[in-house]
């Protein structure tokens, strides 16, 4: 891996794309937001049906944030329509998180800077 190229791309991304991708900007605010973003996207790309909020929260290390903090990030992302919160078809007590089309599109465009490194 070319580490100088990676650093150059990351700095360029921070400078140029700060306002280009609203979802990326939102989730890059802090480590908790980052982690939730990655978990939801990973579940999506793995076609994993175990994407309920509770299972996602259990994956995130406790030292990163309290349950109220995690729920605040999730609720804000849902309110901004970056995540879709839907009732689980099999267990009506659970809610699943799905990235919105905007989140998927912006993540895929943004992640292009990492290809070829």
N, C-alpha and C. Protein backbone atom coordinates (compact mmCIF):
# COMPACT_ATOMS: atom_id res chain seq x y z
N UNK A 1 0.85 -1.18 0.00
CA UNK A 1 0.00 0.00 0.00
C UNK A 1 0.89 1.24 0.00
N UNK A 2 0.49 2.20 -0.74
CA UNK A 2 1.21 3.47 -0.81
C UNK A 2 0.62 4.40 0.26
N UNK A 3 1.29 4.49 1.40
CA UNK A 3 0.77 5.26 2.53
C UNK A 3 0.74 6.76 2.25
N UNK A 4 1.72 7.25 1.50
CA UNK A 4 1.70 8.66 1.15
C UNK A 4 0.50 9.00 0.27
N UNK A 5 0.19 8.10 -0.65
CA UNK A 5 -0.98 8.30 -1.52
C UNK A 5 -2.26 8.28 -0.69
N UNK A 6 -2.34 7.36 0.27
CA UNK A 6 -3.50 7.28 1.15
C UNK A 6 -3.66 8.59 1.93
N UNK A 7 -2.59 9.06 2.53
CA UNK A 7 -2.65 10.30 3.29
C UNK A 7 -3.05 11.48 2.41
N UNK A 8 -2.49 11.53 1.23
CA UNK A 8 -2.82 12.60 0.28
C UNK A 8 -4.31 12.55 -0.06
N UNK A 9 -4.82 11.35 -0.33
CA UNK A 9 -6.24 11.20 -0.67
C UNK A 9 -7.14 11.59 0.50
N UNK A 10 -6.76 11.20 1.70
CA UNK A 10 -7.56 11.54 2.88
C UNK A 10 -7.60 13.05 3.11
N UNK A 11 -6.46 13.69 3.00
CA UNK A 11 -6.41 15.14 3.17
C UNK A 11 -7.21 15.84 2.08
N UNK A 12 -7.08 15.38 0.86
CA UNK A 12 -7.83 15.95 -0.26
C UNK A 12 -9.33 15.77 -0.02
N UNK A 13 -9.70 14.61 0.48
CA UNK A 13 -11.10 14.33 0.77
C UNK A 13 -11.62 15.30 1.82
N UNK A 14 -10.87 15.50 2.88
CA UNK A 14 -11.31 16.41 3.94
C UNK A 14 -11.47 17.84 3.43
N UNK A 15 -10.60 18.23 2.53
CA UNK A 15 -10.63 19.59 2.01
C UNK A 15 -11.75 19.81 1.00
N UNK A 16 -11.91 18.88 0.08
CA UNK A 16 -12.83 19.09 -1.03
C UNK A 16 -14.24 18.56 -0.80
N UNK A 17 -14.37 17.49 -0.07
CA UNK A 17 -15.66 16.81 0.02
C UNK A 17 -16.41 17.05 1.32
N UNK A 18 -15.97 18.05 2.07
CA UNK A 18 -16.60 18.29 3.36
C UNK A 18 -18.10 18.52 3.23
N UNK A 19 -18.52 19.23 2.20
CA UNK A 19 -19.94 19.51 2.02
C UNK A 19 -20.56 18.76 0.84
N UNK A 20 -19.74 18.04 0.10
CA UNK A 20 -20.25 17.34 -1.08
C UNK A 20 -21.15 16.16 -0.70
N UNK A 21 -20.76 15.42 0.32
CA UNK A 21 -21.52 14.23 0.74
C UNK A 21 -22.07 14.46 2.15
N UNK A 22 -23.32 14.83 2.21
CA UNK A 22 -23.92 15.16 3.50
C UNK A 22 -23.94 13.98 4.47
N UNK A 23 -24.20 12.78 3.96
CA UNK A 23 -24.24 11.62 4.86
C UNK A 23 -22.85 11.31 5.39
N UNK A 24 -21.85 11.38 4.54
CA UNK A 24 -20.47 11.12 4.97
C UNK A 24 -20.07 12.15 6.02
N UNK A 25 -20.39 13.40 5.77
CA UNK A 25 -20.08 14.46 6.73
C UNK A 25 -20.75 14.18 8.08
N UNK A 26 -22.01 13.77 8.05
CA UNK A 26 -22.74 13.49 9.29
C UNK A 26 -22.08 12.36 10.07
N UNK A 27 -21.77 11.26 9.41
CA UNK A 27 -21.26 10.10 10.12
C UNK A 27 -19.80 10.23 10.53
N UNK A 28 -19.09 11.17 9.94
CA UNK A 28 -17.68 11.36 10.31
C UNK A 28 -17.51 12.30 11.50
N UNK A 29 -18.59 12.70 12.12
CA UNK A 29 -18.53 13.64 13.25
C UNK A 29 -17.71 13.11 14.42
N UNK A 30 -17.90 11.83 14.71
CA UNK A 30 -17.21 11.24 15.86
C UNK A 30 -17.12 9.72 15.67
N UNK A 31 -16.38 9.08 16.54
CA UNK A 31 -16.12 7.64 16.41
C UNK A 31 -17.40 6.81 16.55
N UNK A 32 -18.33 7.26 17.38
CA UNK A 32 -19.58 6.53 17.56
C UNK A 32 -20.39 6.54 16.25
N UNK A 33 -20.50 7.71 15.65
CA UNK A 33 -21.23 7.83 14.39
C UNK A 33 -20.58 7.00 13.30
N UNK A 34 -19.24 7.09 13.24
CA UNK A 34 -18.49 6.28 12.27
C UNK A 34 -18.83 4.81 12.44
N UNK A 35 -18.74 4.32 13.66
CA UNK A 35 -18.93 2.89 13.92
C UNK A 35 -20.33 2.44 13.53
N UNK A 36 -21.33 3.22 13.91
CA UNK A 36 -22.72 2.87 13.56
C UNK A 36 -22.88 2.85 12.04
N UNK A 37 -22.34 3.85 11.37
CA UNK A 37 -22.39 3.94 9.91
C UNK A 37 -21.78 2.69 9.28
N UNK A 38 -20.59 2.32 9.74
CA UNK A 38 -19.92 1.13 9.19
C UNK A 38 -20.73 -0.14 9.45
N UNK A 39 -21.28 -0.29 10.64
CA UNK A 39 -22.06 -1.49 10.96
C UNK A 39 -23.30 -1.61 10.08
N UNK A 40 -24.02 -0.52 9.92
CA UNK A 40 -25.25 -0.54 9.10
C UNK A 40 -24.90 -0.84 7.64
N UNK A 41 -23.85 -0.21 7.14
CA UNK A 41 -23.44 -0.48 5.76
C UNK A 41 -22.93 -1.91 5.59
N UNK A 42 -22.18 -2.40 6.57
CA UNK A 42 -21.68 -3.77 6.49
C UNK A 42 -22.83 -4.77 6.46
N UNK A 43 -23.84 -4.56 7.30
CA UNK A 43 -25.01 -5.43 7.29
C UNK A 43 -25.70 -5.37 5.92
N UNK A 44 -25.80 -4.18 5.38
CA UNK A 44 -26.44 -4.00 4.08
C UNK A 44 -25.68 -4.75 2.97
N UNK A 45 -24.37 -4.56 2.89
CA UNK A 45 -23.58 -5.19 1.83
C UNK A 45 -23.44 -6.70 2.00
N UNK A 46 -23.60 -7.17 3.23
CA UNK A 46 -23.57 -8.62 3.48
C UNK A 46 -24.94 -9.26 3.30
N UNK A 47 -25.94 -8.47 2.93
CA UNK A 47 -27.33 -8.96 2.83
C UNK A 47 -27.74 -9.68 4.10
N UNK A 48 -27.32 -9.10 5.22
CA UNK A 48 -27.58 -9.71 6.52
C UNK A 48 -28.93 -9.24 7.04
N UNK A 49 -29.73 -10.20 7.45
CA UNK A 49 -31.04 -9.87 8.00
C UNK A 49 -30.99 -9.52 9.48
N UNK A 50 -29.82 -9.66 10.09
CA UNK A 50 -29.68 -9.36 11.51
C UNK A 50 -29.23 -7.91 11.69
N UNK A 51 -30.00 -7.01 11.11
CA UNK A 51 -29.64 -5.61 11.14
C UNK A 51 -30.51 -4.82 12.10
N UNK A 52 -31.06 -5.50 13.12
CA UNK A 52 -31.89 -4.78 14.06
C UNK A 52 -31.03 -3.90 14.95
N UNK A 53 -31.63 -2.86 15.44
CA UNK A 53 -30.92 -1.85 16.20
C UNK A 53 -30.18 -2.47 17.38
N UNK A 54 -30.83 -3.35 18.08
CA UNK A 54 -30.22 -3.95 19.28
C UNK A 54 -28.96 -4.74 18.93
N UNK A 55 -29.00 -5.51 17.85
CA UNK A 55 -27.81 -6.29 17.49
C UNK A 55 -26.67 -5.39 17.02
N UNK A 56 -27.00 -4.29 16.38
CA UNK A 56 -25.98 -3.34 15.94
C UNK A 56 -25.34 -2.67 17.15
N UNK A 57 -26.16 -2.28 18.11
CA UNK A 57 -25.65 -1.62 19.31
C UNK A 57 -24.74 -2.55 20.11
N UNK A 58 -25.08 -3.83 20.16
CA UNK A 58 -24.27 -4.78 20.92
C UNK A 58 -22.87 -4.96 20.33
N UNK A 59 -22.69 -4.71 19.05
CA UNK A 59 -21.40 -4.86 18.40
C UNK A 59 -20.45 -3.72 18.77
N UNK A 60 -21.01 -2.55 19.04
CA UNK A 60 -20.20 -1.36 19.30
C UNK A 60 -19.63 -1.43 20.72
N UNK A 61 -18.31 -1.28 20.86
CA UNK A 61 -17.69 -1.36 22.20
C UNK A 61 -18.30 -0.34 23.17
N UNK A 62 -18.56 -0.79 24.39
CA UNK A 62 -19.19 0.05 25.41
C UNK A 62 -18.42 1.33 25.69
N UNK A 63 -17.10 1.26 25.61
CA UNK A 63 -16.31 2.44 25.95
C UNK A 63 -16.44 3.57 24.92
N UNK A 64 -17.02 3.29 23.78
CA UNK A 64 -17.19 4.34 22.77
C UNK A 64 -18.36 5.26 23.09
N UNK A 65 -19.37 4.73 23.74
CA UNK A 65 -20.52 5.57 24.04
C UNK A 65 -21.61 4.80 24.76
N UNK A 66 -22.41 5.54 25.49
CA UNK A 66 -23.52 4.93 26.23
C UNK A 66 -24.66 4.60 25.28
N UNK A 67 -25.59 3.79 25.75
CA UNK A 67 -26.76 3.45 24.95
C UNK A 67 -27.53 4.70 24.51
N UNK A 68 -27.74 5.67 25.43
CA UNK A 68 -28.43 6.89 24.99
C UNK A 68 -27.68 7.62 23.88
N UNK A 69 -26.35 7.63 23.93
CA UNK A 69 -25.56 8.27 22.88
C UNK A 69 -25.76 7.55 21.56
N UNK A 70 -25.71 6.22 21.58
CA UNK A 70 -25.91 5.44 20.35
C UNK A 70 -27.30 5.67 19.77
N UNK A 71 -28.30 5.66 20.64
CA UNK A 71 -29.66 5.88 20.17
C UNK A 71 -29.84 7.30 19.63
N UNK A 72 -29.15 8.27 20.21
CA UNK A 72 -29.24 9.65 19.72
C UNK A 72 -28.69 9.75 18.29
N UNK A 73 -27.55 9.10 18.04
CA UNK A 73 -26.99 9.10 16.68
C UNK A 73 -27.95 8.43 15.71
N UNK A 74 -28.47 7.27 16.11
CA UNK A 74 -29.40 6.53 15.24
C UNK A 74 -30.66 7.34 14.97
N UNK A 75 -31.25 7.90 16.03
CA UNK A 75 -32.48 8.68 15.86
C UNK A 75 -32.26 9.91 14.98
N UNK A 76 -31.12 10.56 15.13
CA UNK A 76 -30.81 11.72 14.30
C UNK A 76 -30.63 11.30 12.84
N UNK A 77 -29.93 10.18 12.62
CA UNK A 77 -29.73 9.67 11.26
C UNK A 77 -31.06 9.30 10.61
N UNK A 78 -31.96 8.73 11.39
CA UNK A 78 -33.29 8.39 10.87
C UNK A 78 -34.07 9.67 10.56
N UNK A 79 -34.01 10.65 11.44
CA UNK A 79 -34.73 11.91 11.23
C UNK A 79 -34.22 12.63 9.98
N UNK A 80 -32.92 12.52 9.70
CA UNK A 80 -32.34 13.15 8.52
C UNK A 80 -32.53 12.29 7.26
N UNK A 81 -33.12 11.12 7.44
CA UNK A 81 -33.38 10.16 6.35
C UNK A 81 -32.09 9.56 5.79
N UNK A 82 -31.06 9.44 6.63
CA UNK A 82 -29.82 8.76 6.25
C UNK A 82 -29.93 7.26 6.51
N UNK A 83 -30.76 6.89 7.48
CA UNK A 83 -31.11 5.49 7.75
C UNK A 83 -32.62 5.38 7.67
N UNK A 84 -33.07 4.19 7.31
CA UNK A 84 -34.50 3.87 7.34
C UNK A 84 -34.70 2.89 8.49
N UNK A 85 -35.65 3.19 9.33
CA UNK A 85 -35.97 2.33 10.48
C UNK A 85 -37.29 1.64 10.17
N UNK A 86 -37.21 0.31 10.08
CA UNK A 86 -38.44 -0.40 9.74
C UNK A 86 -38.67 -1.56 10.70
N UNK A 87 -39.92 -1.86 10.91
CA UNK A 87 -40.32 -2.94 11.81
C UNK A 87 -39.87 -4.28 11.24
N UNK A 88 -39.28 -5.10 12.08
CA UNK A 88 -38.83 -6.43 11.66
C UNK A 88 -40.05 -7.27 11.29
N UNK A 89 -39.98 -7.96 10.17
CA UNK A 89 -41.13 -8.75 9.71
C UNK A 89 -41.41 -9.97 10.58
N UNK A 90 -40.35 -10.53 11.18
CA UNK A 90 -40.51 -11.74 11.98
C UNK A 90 -40.73 -11.46 13.46
N UNK A 91 -40.06 -10.44 13.98
CA UNK A 91 -40.18 -10.11 15.40
C UNK A 91 -40.64 -8.66 15.51
N UNK A 92 -41.92 -8.47 15.75
CA UNK A 92 -42.53 -7.14 15.75
C UNK A 92 -42.04 -6.25 16.89
N UNK A 93 -41.20 -6.79 17.79
CA UNK A 93 -40.64 -5.98 18.88
C UNK A 93 -39.35 -5.29 18.45
N UNK A 94 -38.82 -5.67 17.30
CA UNK A 94 -37.52 -5.16 16.86
C UNK A 94 -37.68 -4.24 15.65
N UNK A 95 -36.70 -3.35 15.53
CA UNK A 95 -36.63 -2.46 14.37
C UNK A 95 -35.29 -2.67 13.67
N UNK A 96 -35.33 -2.69 12.35
CA UNK A 96 -34.12 -2.85 11.54
C UNK A 96 -33.67 -1.49 11.02
N UNK A 97 -32.37 -1.36 10.84
CA UNK A 97 -31.79 -0.16 10.25
C UNK A 97 -31.27 -0.49 8.87
N UNK A 98 -31.65 0.32 7.91
CA UNK A 98 -31.23 0.14 6.54
C UNK A 98 -30.69 1.48 6.05
N UNK A 99 -29.55 1.48 5.38
CA UNK A 99 -29.07 2.77 4.85
C UNK A 99 -30.00 3.26 3.74
N UNK A 100 -30.23 4.55 3.71
CA UNK A 100 -31.07 5.11 2.64
C UNK A 100 -30.30 5.07 1.33
N UNK A 101 -31.00 5.29 0.24
CA UNK A 101 -30.34 5.32 -1.07
C UNK A 101 -29.31 6.45 -1.13
N UNK A 102 -29.60 7.56 -0.49
CA UNK A 102 -28.64 8.66 -0.44
C UNK A 102 -27.36 8.22 0.28
N UNK A 103 -27.51 7.54 1.41
CA UNK A 103 -26.36 7.07 2.18
C UNK A 103 -25.53 6.09 1.36
N UNK A 104 -26.19 5.16 0.71
CA UNK A 104 -25.48 4.17 -0.11
C UNK A 104 -24.75 4.85 -1.26
N UNK A 105 -25.45 5.72 -1.98
CA UNK A 105 -24.86 6.41 -3.13
C UNK A 105 -23.65 7.24 -2.72
N UNK A 106 -23.80 8.02 -1.66
CA UNK A 106 -22.71 8.89 -1.23
C UNK A 106 -21.53 8.08 -0.67
N UNK A 107 -21.81 7.00 0.03
CA UNK A 107 -20.72 6.15 0.53
C UNK A 107 -19.94 5.56 -0.64
N UNK A 108 -20.64 5.06 -1.64
CA UNK A 108 -19.97 4.44 -2.78
C UNK A 108 -19.16 5.46 -3.57
N UNK A 109 -19.69 6.65 -3.77
CA UNK A 109 -18.94 7.70 -4.47
C UNK A 109 -17.72 8.13 -3.66
N UNK A 110 -17.93 8.36 -2.36
CA UNK A 110 -16.85 8.79 -1.48
C UNK A 110 -15.74 7.75 -1.38
N UNK A 111 -16.11 6.49 -1.33
CA UNK A 111 -15.13 5.42 -1.14
C UNK A 111 -14.24 5.20 -2.36
N UNK A 112 -14.58 5.79 -3.49
CA UNK A 112 -13.75 5.68 -4.69
C UNK A 112 -12.32 6.14 -4.46
N UNK A 113 -12.12 7.06 -3.52
CA UNK A 113 -10.75 7.56 -3.27
C UNK A 113 -9.82 6.48 -2.74
N UNK A 114 -10.39 5.41 -2.22
CA UNK A 114 -9.57 4.34 -1.64
C UNK A 114 -9.24 3.24 -2.63
N UNK A 115 -9.90 3.23 -3.78
CA UNK A 115 -9.62 2.20 -4.77
C UNK A 115 -8.24 2.41 -5.38
N UNK A 116 -7.54 1.34 -5.58
CA UNK A 116 -6.25 1.40 -6.21
C UNK A 116 -5.10 1.77 -5.28
N UNK A 117 -5.38 1.86 -3.99
CA UNK A 117 -4.29 2.18 -3.06
C UNK A 117 -3.54 0.94 -2.64
